[in-house]
């Protein structure tokens, strides 16, 4: 593993965590959306993360795919949770029994997800800064 792999790994981690932060923000913003474009209540989204692969053209031409470290967002899928039914007969989206389907979004668990993604992003930033500091100190050694 080369020295610059640290930047690849941490950079990909920061991209994944930013996507997670955006998804959590979207879920929280739509926690009370009873009518989405699909017709029903908003479906909370989940980020699927996987190992980054090397899909560069040069790798296929040379026949040698180099080891590539890091993470990437594989997909962003709607969750499979059933909607939360609330009795509110005056709501415009109420069914014939007076129940309204709200997204099954737990704000507390979404906030935990938000804090987790924020901390992971910060850890990746610290790793990049540590690698940068080591590189600068190595250059300082070369000057002496």
N, C-alpha and C. Protein backbone atom coordinates (compact mmCIF):
# COMPACT_ATOMS: atom_id res chain seq x y z
N UNK A 1 0.85 -1.17 0.00
CA UNK A 1 0.00 0.00 0.00
C UNK A 1 0.89 1.23 0.00
N UNK A 2 0.70 2.11 -0.96
CA UNK A 2 1.49 3.33 -1.07
C UNK A 2 1.02 4.39 -0.10
N UNK A 3 1.83 5.41 -0.01
CA UNK A 3 1.53 6.50 0.92
C UNK A 3 0.25 7.22 0.55
N UNK A 4 -0.01 7.40 -0.74
CA UNK A 4 -1.18 8.15 -1.17
C UNK A 4 -2.48 7.36 -1.04
N UNK A 5 -2.38 6.06 -0.72
CA UNK A 5 -3.58 5.26 -0.50
C UNK A 5 -4.37 5.77 0.70
N UNK A 6 -3.67 6.39 1.66
CA UNK A 6 -4.35 6.96 2.83
C UNK A 6 -5.35 8.02 2.37
N UNK A 7 -4.95 8.83 1.40
CA UNK A 7 -5.84 9.87 0.90
C UNK A 7 -7.01 9.27 0.13
N UNK A 8 -6.75 8.18 -0.62
CA UNK A 8 -7.84 7.49 -1.33
C UNK A 8 -8.86 6.92 -0.36
N UNK A 9 -8.36 6.24 0.67
CA UNK A 9 -9.25 5.59 1.63
C UNK A 9 -10.08 6.62 2.39
N UNK A 10 -9.41 7.62 2.94
CA UNK A 10 -10.12 8.63 3.73
C UNK A 10 -11.03 9.48 2.86
N UNK A 11 -10.61 9.78 1.65
CA UNK A 11 -11.45 10.55 0.74
C UNK A 11 -12.73 9.81 0.39
N UNK A 12 -12.59 8.51 0.13
CA UNK A 12 -13.80 7.73 -0.18
C UNK A 12 -14.70 7.62 1.04
N UNK A 13 -14.09 7.52 2.22
CA UNK A 13 -14.87 7.48 3.45
C UNK A 13 -15.64 8.77 3.67
N UNK A 14 -15.01 9.89 3.36
CA UNK A 14 -15.70 11.18 3.52
C UNK A 14 -16.86 11.30 2.53
N UNK A 15 -16.69 10.79 1.32
CA UNK A 15 -17.79 10.82 0.34
C UNK A 15 -18.98 10.01 0.83
N UNK A 16 -18.70 8.82 1.38
CA UNK A 16 -19.77 7.96 1.89
C UNK A 16 -20.49 8.63 3.05
N UNK A 17 -19.73 9.22 3.97
CA UNK A 17 -20.35 9.84 5.14
C UNK A 17 -21.17 11.07 4.75
N UNK A 18 -20.72 11.81 3.75
CA UNK A 18 -21.51 12.96 3.29
C UNK A 18 -22.83 12.49 2.70
N UNK A 19 -22.81 11.39 1.96
CA UNK A 19 -24.05 10.84 1.41
C UNK A 19 -24.98 10.39 2.54
N UNK A 20 -24.42 9.77 3.57
CA UNK A 20 -25.23 9.36 4.71
C UNK A 20 -25.85 10.58 5.39
N UNK A 21 -25.06 11.66 5.56
CA UNK A 21 -25.59 12.87 6.17
C UNK A 21 -26.72 13.46 5.34
N UNK A 22 -26.54 13.50 4.04
CA UNK A 22 -27.59 14.03 3.16
C UNK A 22 -28.86 13.20 3.24
N UNK A 23 -28.71 11.89 3.31
CA UNK A 23 -29.86 10.99 3.37
C UNK A 23 -30.62 11.15 4.68
N UNK A 24 -29.89 11.25 5.78
CA UNK A 24 -30.54 11.46 7.08
C UNK A 24 -31.28 12.79 7.09
N UNK A 25 -30.67 13.83 6.54
CA UNK A 25 -31.33 15.13 6.49
C UNK A 25 -32.61 15.06 5.66
N UNK A 26 -32.57 14.32 4.56
CA UNK A 26 -33.75 14.15 3.72
C UNK A 26 -34.85 13.40 4.47
N UNK A 27 -34.45 12.34 5.20
CA UNK A 27 -35.44 11.58 5.98
C UNK A 27 -36.08 12.45 7.06
N UNK A 28 -35.27 13.23 7.77
CA UNK A 28 -35.83 14.09 8.82
C UNK A 28 -36.71 15.18 8.24
N UNK A 29 -36.34 15.71 7.10
CA UNK A 29 -37.15 16.77 6.49
C UNK A 29 -38.50 16.25 6.03
N UNK A 30 -38.57 14.96 5.70
CA UNK A 30 -39.82 14.38 5.19
C UNK A 30 -40.52 13.49 6.21
N UNK A 31 -40.23 13.67 7.48
CA UNK A 31 -40.80 12.82 8.52
C UNK A 31 -42.32 12.93 8.60
N UNK A 32 -42.89 14.04 8.13
CA UNK A 32 -44.34 14.22 8.18
C UNK A 32 -44.97 14.31 6.80
N UNK A 33 -44.26 13.84 5.78
CA UNK A 33 -44.78 13.90 4.41
C UNK A 33 -45.72 12.72 4.17
N UNK A 34 -46.98 13.03 3.99
CA UNK A 34 -47.98 11.97 3.83
C UNK A 34 -48.25 11.63 2.37
N UNK A 35 -47.81 12.49 1.47
CA UNK A 35 -48.06 12.22 0.05
C UNK A 35 -46.80 12.51 -0.75
N UNK A 36 -46.13 11.46 -1.19
CA UNK A 36 -44.92 11.59 -2.00
C UNK A 36 -45.28 11.47 -3.48
N UNK A 37 -44.30 11.59 -4.33
CA UNK A 37 -44.53 11.49 -5.77
C UNK A 37 -45.06 10.11 -6.16
N UNK A 38 -44.70 9.09 -5.39
CA UNK A 38 -45.15 7.72 -5.68
C UNK A 38 -46.61 7.49 -5.27
N UNK A 39 -47.20 8.45 -4.58
CA UNK A 39 -48.61 8.33 -4.20
C UNK A 39 -48.84 8.08 -2.74
N UNK A 40 -48.01 7.31 -2.10
CA UNK A 40 -48.18 7.02 -0.68
C UNK A 40 -47.33 7.95 0.16
N UNK A 41 -47.14 7.60 1.43
CA UNK A 41 -46.29 8.42 2.28
C UNK A 41 -44.82 8.28 1.85
N UNK A 42 -44.02 9.24 2.24
CA UNK A 42 -42.58 9.22 1.95
C UNK A 42 -41.96 7.95 2.51
N UNK A 43 -41.10 7.30 1.75
CA UNK A 43 -40.37 6.12 2.22
C UNK A 43 -38.98 6.55 2.66
N UNK A 44 -38.61 6.31 3.93
CA UNK A 44 -37.27 6.69 4.37
C UNK A 44 -36.21 5.95 3.56
N UNK A 45 -35.10 6.64 3.30
CA UNK A 45 -34.04 6.08 2.48
C UNK A 45 -32.93 5.50 3.34
N UNK A 46 -32.25 4.49 2.79
CA UNK A 46 -31.11 3.85 3.44
C UNK A 46 -29.95 3.84 2.46
N UNK A 47 -28.75 4.10 2.96
CA UNK A 47 -27.55 4.09 2.13
C UNK A 47 -26.90 2.71 2.24
N UNK A 48 -26.63 2.10 1.10
CA UNK A 48 -25.95 0.81 1.05
C UNK A 48 -24.49 1.09 0.66
N UNK A 49 -23.56 0.66 1.52
CA UNK A 49 -22.14 0.94 1.33
C UNK A 49 -21.42 -0.36 1.02
N UNK A 50 -20.45 -0.28 0.12
CA UNK A 50 -19.65 -1.45 -0.23
C UNK A 50 -18.20 -1.06 -0.45
N UNK A 51 -17.39 -2.05 -0.78
CA UNK A 51 -15.98 -1.82 -1.05
C UNK A 51 -15.82 -1.18 -2.42
N UNK A 52 -14.94 -0.21 -2.51
CA UNK A 52 -14.69 0.47 -3.78
C UNK A 52 -13.95 -0.48 -4.71
N UNK A 53 -14.33 -0.45 -5.97
CA UNK A 53 -13.67 -1.28 -6.97
C UNK A 53 -12.94 -0.38 -7.97
N UNK A 54 -11.98 -0.93 -8.64
CA UNK A 54 -11.18 -0.19 -9.61
C UNK A 54 -11.79 -0.40 -10.98
N UNK A 55 -12.56 0.55 -11.46
CA UNK A 55 -13.23 0.45 -12.76
C UNK A 55 -12.56 1.32 -13.82
N UNK A 56 -11.31 1.66 -13.60
CA UNK A 56 -10.64 2.52 -14.57
C UNK A 56 -10.30 1.75 -15.84
N UNK A 57 -10.35 2.41 -16.96
CA UNK A 57 -10.11 1.79 -18.25
C UNK A 57 -8.69 1.22 -18.33
N UNK A 58 -7.73 1.95 -17.77
CA UNK A 58 -6.33 1.49 -17.83
C UNK A 58 -6.15 0.13 -17.16
N UNK A 59 -6.92 -0.13 -16.13
CA UNK A 59 -6.81 -1.40 -15.41
C UNK A 59 -7.24 -2.56 -16.29
N UNK A 60 -8.28 -2.35 -17.08
CA UNK A 60 -8.76 -3.42 -17.96
C UNK A 60 -7.83 -3.63 -19.14
N UNK A 61 -7.27 -2.55 -19.67
CA UNK A 61 -6.38 -2.66 -20.81
C UNK A 61 -5.10 -3.39 -20.42
N UNK A 62 -4.56 -3.03 -19.27
CA UNK A 62 -3.31 -3.67 -18.84
C UNK A 62 -3.55 -5.08 -18.33
N UNK A 63 -4.80 -5.42 -18.04
CA UNK A 63 -5.11 -6.77 -17.54
C UNK A 63 -4.76 -6.95 -16.08
N UNK A 64 -4.30 -5.91 -15.47
CA UNK A 64 -3.91 -6.00 -14.06
C UNK A 64 -4.72 -4.98 -13.27
N UNK A 65 -5.68 -5.46 -12.54
CA UNK A 65 -6.42 -4.54 -11.68
C UNK A 65 -5.66 -4.40 -10.38
N UNK A 66 -5.30 -3.16 -10.08
CA UNK A 66 -4.55 -2.94 -8.85
C UNK A 66 -5.50 -3.02 -7.67
N UNK A 67 -4.94 -3.33 -6.52
CA UNK A 67 -5.73 -3.34 -5.30
C UNK A 67 -6.20 -1.92 -5.03
N UNK A 68 -7.47 -1.75 -4.76
CA UNK A 68 -8.00 -0.41 -4.54
C UNK A 68 -8.77 -0.41 -3.25
N UNK A 69 -8.33 0.42 -2.30
CA UNK A 69 -8.95 0.44 -0.99
C UNK A 69 -9.96 1.56 -0.89
N UNK A 70 -10.89 1.39 -0.02
CA UNK A 70 -11.86 2.45 0.24
C UNK A 70 -13.28 1.93 0.21
N UNK A 71 -14.19 2.86 0.35
CA UNK A 71 -15.61 2.53 0.38
C UNK A 71 -16.32 3.36 -0.67
N UNK A 72 -17.50 2.91 -1.07
CA UNK A 72 -18.32 3.67 -2.00
C UNK A 72 -19.78 3.38 -1.72
N UNK A 73 -20.62 4.31 -2.12
CA UNK A 73 -22.06 4.12 -2.00
C UNK A 73 -22.50 3.22 -3.15
N UNK A 74 -23.03 2.06 -2.80
CA UNK A 74 -23.49 1.11 -3.82
C UNK A 74 -24.89 1.50 -4.29
N UNK A 75 -25.75 1.87 -3.35
CA UNK A 75 -27.12 2.20 -3.71
C UNK A 75 -27.77 2.99 -2.57
N UNK A 76 -28.81 3.71 -2.90
CA UNK A 76 -29.65 4.37 -1.90
C UNK A 76 -31.05 3.84 -2.15
N UNK A 77 -31.55 3.05 -1.18
CA UNK A 77 -32.82 2.35 -1.35
C UNK A 77 -33.86 2.85 -0.36
N UNK A 78 -35.12 2.82 -0.76
CA UNK A 78 -36.17 3.13 0.22
C UNK A 78 -36.30 1.99 1.22
N UNK A 79 -36.60 2.34 2.46
CA UNK A 79 -36.76 1.33 3.50
C UNK A 79 -38.03 0.52 3.30
N UNK A 80 -38.12 -0.57 4.03
CA UNK A 80 -39.28 -1.46 3.88
C UNK A 80 -40.25 -1.35 5.06
N UNK A 81 -40.08 -0.34 5.89
CA UNK A 81 -40.94 -0.20 7.08
C UNK A 81 -42.35 0.20 6.67
N UNK A 82 -43.31 -0.38 7.35
CA UNK A 82 -44.71 -0.04 7.11
C UNK A 82 -44.99 1.37 7.62
N UNK A 83 -45.89 2.10 6.97
CA UNK A 83 -46.19 3.46 7.45
C UNK A 83 -46.86 3.45 8.82
N UNK A 84 -46.70 4.55 9.52
CA UNK A 84 -47.29 4.73 10.83
C UNK A 84 -48.68 5.33 10.63
N UNK A 85 -49.69 4.66 11.14
CA UNK A 85 -51.08 5.10 10.94
C UNK A 85 -51.53 5.95 12.14
N UNK A 86 -52.00 7.16 11.85
CA UNK A 86 -52.44 8.09 12.88
C UNK A 86 -53.88 8.48 12.56
N UNK A 87 -54.73 8.45 13.59
CA UNK A 87 -56.14 8.80 13.39
C UNK A 87 -56.28 10.32 13.37
N UNK A 88 -56.65 10.85 12.21
CA UNK A 88 -56.85 12.28 12.02
C UNK A 88 -57.84 12.46 10.88
N UNK A 89 -59.15 12.33 11.17
CA UNK A 89 -60.15 12.36 10.10
C UNK A 89 -60.22 13.68 9.33
N UNK A 90 -59.70 14.77 9.89
CA UNK A 90 -59.76 16.06 9.21
C UNK A 90 -58.61 16.28 8.22
N UNK A 91 -57.63 15.38 8.24
CA UNK A 91 -56.47 15.50 7.35
C UNK A 91 -56.90 15.19 5.92
N UNK A 92 -56.41 15.94 4.92
CA UNK A 92 -56.82 15.69 3.53
C UNK A 92 -56.39 14.33 2.99
N UNK A 93 -55.38 13.71 3.59
CA UNK A 93 -54.92 12.40 3.12
C UNK A 93 -55.48 11.25 3.95
N UNK A 94 -56.48 11.50 4.76
CA UNK A 94 -57.06 10.44 5.60
C UNK A 94 -57.84 9.46 4.73
N UNK A 95 -57.77 8.19 5.12
CA UNK A 95 -58.53 7.17 4.39
C UNK A 95 -59.98 7.18 4.88
N UNK A 96 -60.79 6.24 4.40
CA UNK A 96 -62.21 6.23 4.74
C UNK A 96 -62.47 6.00 6.23
N UNK A 97 -61.52 5.41 6.93
CA UNK A 97 -61.65 5.18 8.37
C UNK A 97 -61.10 6.34 9.19
N UNK A 98 -60.51 7.35 8.53
CA UNK A 98 -59.99 8.51 9.23
C UNK A 98 -58.53 8.40 9.61
N UNK A 99 -57.81 7.40 9.09
CA UNK A 99 -56.41 7.22 9.42
C UNK A 99 -55.52 7.81 8.32
N UNK A 100 -54.41 8.42 8.75
CA UNK A 100 -53.44 9.00 7.82
C UNK A 100 -52.15 8.19 7.93
N UNK A 101 -51.58 7.83 6.77
CA UNK A 101 -50.32 7.08 6.74
C UNK A 101 -49.15 8.06 6.75
N UNK A 102 -48.36 8.02 7.82
CA UNK A 102 -47.17 8.83 7.94
C UNK A 102 -45.95 7.94 7.75
N UNK A 103 -44.82 8.50 7.30
CA UNK A 103 -43.61 7.68 7.18
C UNK A 103 -43.19 7.16 8.54
N UNK A 104 -42.67 5.96 8.56
CA UNK A 104 -42.21 5.36 9.81
C UNK A 104 -40.77 5.78 10.06
N UNK A 105 -40.60 7.03 10.43
CA UNK A 105 -39.27 7.60 10.68
C UNK A 105 -39.18 7.94 12.15
N UNK A 106 -38.18 7.37 12.81
CA UNK A 106 -37.94 7.65 14.21
C UNK A 106 -36.88 8.76 14.29
N UNK A 107 -37.25 9.97 14.70
CA UNK A 107 -36.28 11.07 14.73
C UNK A 107 -35.07 10.80 15.62
N UNK A 108 -35.27 10.03 16.69
CA UNK A 108 -34.15 9.74 17.60
C UNK A 108 -33.12 8.86 16.90
N UNK A 109 -33.57 7.79 16.23
CA UNK A 109 -32.62 6.93 15.55
C UNK A 109 -31.98 7.64 14.36
N UNK A 110 -32.71 8.54 13.72
CA UNK A 110 -32.13 9.33 12.63
C UNK A 110 -31.05 10.27 13.16
N UNK A 111 -31.27 10.85 14.33
CA UNK A 111 -30.26 11.72 14.92
C UNK A 111 -29.02 10.94 15.34
N UNK A 112 -29.22 9.70 15.82
CA UNK A 112 -28.07 8.85 16.15
C UNK A 112 -27.28 8.55 14.88
N UNK A 113 -27.98 8.25 13.80
CA UNK A 113 -27.33 8.01 12.51
C UNK A 113 -26.57 9.26 12.06
N UNK A 114 -27.16 10.43 12.27
CA UNK A 114 -26.53 11.69 11.92
C UNK A 114 -25.23 11.90 12.70
N UNK A 115 -25.28 11.65 14.01
CA UNK A 115 -24.07 11.81 14.83
C UNK A 115 -23.00 10.79 14.46
N UNK A 116 -23.42 9.56 14.16
CA UNK A 116 -22.47 8.53 13.76
C UNK A 116 -21.76 8.90 12.46
N UNK A 117 -22.52 9.38 11.48
CA UNK A 117 -21.93 9.77 10.20
C UNK A 117 -21.01 10.98 10.38
N UNK A 118 -21.40 11.91 11.25
CA UNK A 118 -20.56 13.08 11.51
C UNK A 118 -19.24 12.68 12.14
N UNK A 119 -19.29 11.78 13.11
CA UNK A 119 -18.06 11.32 13.78
C UNK A 119 -17.16 10.54 12.81
N UNK A 120 -17.76 9.74 11.96
CA UNK A 120 -16.96 8.99 10.98
C UNK A 120 -16.31 9.94 9.98
N UNK A 121 -17.04 10.98 9.57
CA UNK A 121 -16.47 11.98 8.67
C UNK A 121 -15.28 12.67 9.34
N UNK A 122 -15.46 13.06 10.61
CA UNK A 122 -14.38 13.72 11.34
C UNK A 122 -13.16 12.81 11.50
N UNK A 123 -13.38 11.52 11.70
CA UNK A 123 -12.27 10.58 11.82
C UNK A 123 -11.49 10.50 10.51
N UNK A 124 -12.18 10.52 9.39
CA UNK A 124 -11.50 10.51 8.10
C UNK A 124 -10.72 11.80 7.88
N UNK A 125 -11.26 12.93 8.31
CA UNK A 125 -10.54 14.20 8.19
C UNK A 125 -9.27 14.15 9.03
N UNK A 126 -9.37 13.60 10.25
CA UNK A 126 -8.18 13.49 11.10
C UNK A 126 -7.13 12.59 10.48
N UNK A 127 -7.55 11.51 9.83
CA UNK A 127 -6.59 10.61 9.17
C UNK A 127 -5.87 11.32 8.03
N UNK A 128 -6.61 12.10 7.23
CA UNK A 128 -5.98 12.87 6.15
C UNK A 128 -5.00 13.89 6.72
N UNK A 129 -5.39 14.58 7.76
CA UNK A 129 -4.50 15.58 8.37
C UNK A 129 -3.25 14.93 8.96
N UNK A 130 -3.39 13.75 9.57
CA UNK A 130 -2.22 13.05 10.11
C UNK A 130 -1.28 12.63 8.99
N UNK A 131 -1.82 12.14 7.89
CA UNK A 131 -0.99 11.74 6.76
C UNK A 131 -0.28 12.96 6.16
N UNK A 132 -0.99 14.07 6.08
CA UNK A 132 -0.39 15.30 5.54
C UNK A 132 0.75 15.77 6.45
N UNK A 133 0.53 15.71 7.75
CA UNK A 133 1.56 16.11 8.70
C UNK A 133 2.79 15.22 8.58
N UNK A 134 2.58 13.91 8.44
CA UNK A 134 3.71 12.99 8.28
C UNK A 134 4.48 13.28 7.00
N UNK A 135 3.77 13.60 5.92
CA UNK A 135 4.43 13.90 4.66
C UNK A 135 5.25 15.18 4.78
N UNK A 136 4.72 16.19 5.44
CA UNK A 136 5.46 17.44 5.61
C UNK A 136 6.69 17.24 6.49
N UNK A 137 6.58 16.42 7.52
CA UNK A 137 7.73 16.16 8.38
C UNK A 137 8.79 15.35 7.64
N UNK A 138 8.35 14.45 6.77
CA UNK A 138 9.32 13.69 5.97
C UNK A 138 10.07 14.63 5.02
N UNK A 139 9.39 15.62 4.48
CA UNK A 139 10.05 16.60 3.63
C UNK A 139 11.02 17.46 4.42
N UNK A 140 10.65 17.78 5.66
CA UNK A 140 11.54 18.55 6.52
C UNK A 140 12.81 17.75 6.82
N UNK A 141 12.72 16.45 7.00
CA UNK A 141 13.88 15.61 7.23
C UNK A 141 14.81 15.63 6.02
N UNK A 142 14.22 15.69 4.84
CA UNK A 142 15.01 15.70 3.61
C UNK A 142 15.79 16.98 3.44
N UNK A 143 15.34 18.07 4.05
CA UNK A 143 16.04 19.34 3.93
C UNK A 143 17.29 19.39 4.78
N UNK A 144 17.35 18.62 5.83
CA UNK A 144 18.47 18.67 6.78
C UNK A 144 19.66 18.00 6.24
